[in-house]
């Protein structure tokens, strides 16, 4: 699922999202680490992302 979430994020261009736009979910550096595969998505960040995008947290973990 994490691969799916990363792929979705990489396609964010059509939504014009930037890493800074997710500052309410995690610091920009942590978002960058997640997208580059250096860090896993924690349960806390998964919950925040799910709330932001109105999806299940299971999508991110």
N, C-alpha and C. Protein backbone atom coordinates (compact mmCIF):
# COMPACT_ATOMS: atom_id res chain seq x y z
N UNK A 1 0.81 -1.20 0.00
CA UNK A 1 0.00 0.00 0.00
C UNK A 1 0.85 1.27 0.00
N UNK A 2 2.00 1.21 0.67
CA UNK A 2 2.83 2.41 0.70
C UNK A 2 3.28 2.78 -0.71
N UNK A 3 3.57 1.76 -1.52
CA UNK A 3 3.97 2.03 -2.90
C UNK A 3 2.84 2.75 -3.62
N UNK A 4 1.60 2.31 -3.37
CA UNK A 4 0.44 2.93 -3.98
C UNK A 4 0.35 4.40 -3.56
N UNK A 5 0.54 4.66 -2.28
CA UNK A 5 0.46 6.03 -1.77
C UNK A 5 1.55 6.89 -2.40
N UNK A 6 2.76 6.33 -2.53
CA UNK A 6 3.84 7.09 -3.15
C UNK A 6 3.54 7.39 -4.62
N UNK A 7 2.99 6.42 -5.33
CA UNK A 7 2.64 6.63 -6.74
C UNK A 7 1.58 7.71 -6.86
N UNK A 8 0.60 7.67 -5.98
CA UNK A 8 -0.43 8.70 -5.99
C UNK A 8 0.20 10.08 -5.76
N UNK A 9 1.14 10.14 -4.84
CA UNK A 9 1.78 11.42 -4.53
C UNK A 9 2.59 11.90 -5.72
N UNK A 10 3.29 11.00 -6.38
CA UNK A 10 4.10 11.40 -7.54
C UNK A 10 3.22 11.96 -8.66
N UNK A 11 1.99 11.55 -8.71
CA UNK A 11 1.06 12.04 -9.72
C UNK A 11 0.34 13.30 -9.25
N UNK A 12 0.83 13.89 -8.19
CA UNK A 12 0.16 15.04 -7.57
C UNK A 12 0.16 16.26 -8.46
N UNK A 13 1.00 16.30 -9.49
CA UNK A 13 1.10 17.46 -10.36
C UNK A 13 -0.25 17.93 -10.88
N UNK A 14 -1.11 17.00 -11.21
CA UNK A 14 -2.41 17.42 -11.72
C UNK A 14 -3.26 18.05 -10.63
N UNK A 15 -2.91 17.82 -9.38
CA UNK A 15 -3.62 18.44 -8.26
C UNK A 15 -2.86 19.64 -7.73
N UNK A 16 -1.69 19.88 -8.29
CA UNK A 16 -0.85 21.01 -7.92
C UNK A 16 -0.51 21.04 -6.43
N UNK A 17 -0.29 19.88 -5.82
CA UNK A 17 0.12 19.81 -4.43
C UNK A 17 1.64 19.89 -4.31
N UNK A 18 2.08 20.51 -3.26
CA UNK A 18 3.50 20.56 -2.94
C UNK A 18 3.69 19.93 -1.56
N UNK A 19 4.91 19.54 -1.26
CA UNK A 19 5.18 18.95 0.04
C UNK A 19 4.77 19.90 1.16
N UNK A 20 4.99 21.16 0.96
CA UNK A 20 4.64 22.15 1.99
C UNK A 20 3.14 22.20 2.24
N UNK A 21 2.35 21.80 1.26
CA UNK A 21 0.90 21.80 1.43
C UNK A 21 0.44 20.78 2.46
N UNK A 22 1.31 19.84 2.79
CA UNK A 22 0.97 18.81 3.76
C UNK A 22 1.57 19.10 5.13
N UNK A 23 1.91 20.34 5.38
CA UNK A 23 2.52 20.72 6.65
C UNK A 23 1.61 20.41 7.83
N UNK A 24 0.31 20.33 7.60
CA UNK A 24 -0.61 19.98 8.68
C UNK A 24 -0.56 18.48 9.00
N UNK A 25 0.09 17.70 8.14
CA UNK A 25 0.20 16.24 8.35
C UNK A 25 1.58 15.84 8.87
N UNK A 26 2.62 16.49 8.40
CA UNK A 26 3.99 16.16 8.80
C UNK A 26 4.92 17.25 8.29
N UNK A 27 6.09 17.39 8.91
CA UNK A 27 7.07 18.36 8.42
C UNK A 27 7.50 18.01 6.99
N UNK A 28 7.86 19.02 6.22
CA UNK A 28 8.24 18.83 4.82
C UNK A 28 9.36 17.81 4.67
N UNK A 29 10.33 17.84 5.54
CA UNK A 29 11.45 16.90 5.48
C UNK A 29 10.99 15.45 5.64
N UNK A 30 10.04 15.23 6.52
CA UNK A 30 9.53 13.88 6.73
C UNK A 30 8.73 13.42 5.51
N UNK A 31 7.94 14.32 4.93
CA UNK A 31 7.19 13.98 3.71
C UNK A 31 8.18 13.61 2.60
N UNK A 32 9.24 14.37 2.48
CA UNK A 32 10.27 14.08 1.48
C UNK A 32 10.89 12.71 1.70
N UNK A 33 11.22 12.40 2.94
CA UNK A 33 11.79 11.09 3.27
C UNK A 33 10.83 9.95 2.92
N UNK A 34 9.56 10.14 3.19
CA UNK A 34 8.56 9.11 2.87
C UNK A 34 8.49 8.90 1.36
N UNK A 35 8.43 9.99 0.62
CA UNK A 35 8.31 9.89 -0.83
C UNK A 35 9.54 9.27 -1.48
N UNK A 36 10.69 9.45 -0.86
CA UNK A 36 11.93 8.90 -1.40
C UNK A 36 12.27 7.54 -0.82
N UNK A 37 11.35 6.97 -0.04
CA UNK A 37 11.54 5.62 0.48
C UNK A 37 12.51 5.50 1.63
N UNK A 38 12.89 6.61 2.24
CA UNK A 38 13.83 6.57 3.36
C UNK A 38 13.12 6.40 4.70
N UNK A 39 11.82 6.55 4.70
CA UNK A 39 11.05 6.47 5.95
C UNK A 39 9.68 5.89 5.62
N UNK A 40 9.17 5.10 6.53
CA UNK A 40 7.82 4.55 6.36
C UNK A 40 6.80 5.57 6.86
N UNK A 41 5.58 5.41 6.43
CA UNK A 41 4.49 6.26 6.91
C UNK A 41 4.05 5.73 8.26
N UNK A 42 4.14 6.57 9.28
CA UNK A 42 3.73 6.15 10.62
C UNK A 42 2.20 6.12 10.70
N UNK A 43 1.69 5.47 11.72
CA UNK A 43 0.23 5.41 11.91
C UNK A 43 -0.34 6.81 12.12
N UNK A 44 0.40 7.64 12.84
CA UNK A 44 -0.06 9.00 13.10
C UNK A 44 -0.16 9.81 11.80
N UNK A 45 0.87 9.73 10.98
CA UNK A 45 0.85 10.46 9.71
C UNK A 45 -0.22 9.88 8.79
N UNK A 46 -0.39 8.57 8.80
CA UNK A 46 -1.43 7.93 7.99
C UNK A 46 -2.81 8.47 8.37
N UNK A 47 -3.05 8.61 9.67
CA UNK A 47 -4.34 9.16 10.13
C UNK A 47 -4.52 10.60 9.66
N UNK A 48 -3.47 11.38 9.75
CA UNK A 48 -3.57 12.79 9.33
C UNK A 48 -3.78 12.90 7.82
N UNK A 49 -3.06 12.09 7.05
CA UNK A 49 -3.24 12.11 5.59
C UNK A 49 -4.65 11.64 5.22
N UNK A 50 -5.13 10.62 5.91
CA UNK A 50 -6.47 10.10 5.64
C UNK A 50 -7.53 11.17 5.91
N UNK A 51 -7.36 11.87 7.01
CA UNK A 51 -8.29 12.95 7.34
C UNK A 51 -8.26 14.04 6.27
N UNK A 52 -7.05 14.37 5.83
CA UNK A 52 -6.87 15.43 4.83
C UNK A 52 -7.51 15.08 3.50
N UNK A 53 -7.38 13.80 3.08
CA UNK A 53 -7.85 13.38 1.77
C UNK A 53 -9.17 12.60 1.82
N UNK A 54 -9.76 12.50 3.01
CA UNK A 54 -11.05 11.84 3.18
C UNK A 54 -11.04 10.40 2.65
N UNK A 55 -10.02 9.66 3.08
CA UNK A 55 -9.90 8.24 2.74
C UNK A 55 -9.57 7.47 4.01
N UNK A 56 -9.51 6.16 3.90
CA UNK A 56 -9.16 5.33 5.04
C UNK A 56 -7.66 5.40 5.33
N UNK A 57 -7.27 5.42 6.62
CA UNK A 57 -5.84 5.37 6.95
C UNK A 57 -5.15 4.11 6.43
N UNK A 58 -5.92 3.05 6.24
CA UNK A 58 -5.35 1.79 5.73
C UNK A 58 -4.72 1.98 4.35
N UNK A 59 -5.14 2.97 3.64
CA UNK A 59 -4.56 3.24 2.32
C UNK A 59 -3.07 3.58 2.42
N UNK A 60 -2.67 4.16 3.55
CA UNK A 60 -1.30 4.64 3.70
C UNK A 60 -0.36 3.72 4.47
N UNK A 61 -0.90 2.72 5.16
CA UNK A 61 -0.03 1.82 5.93
C UNK A 61 -0.01 0.42 5.37
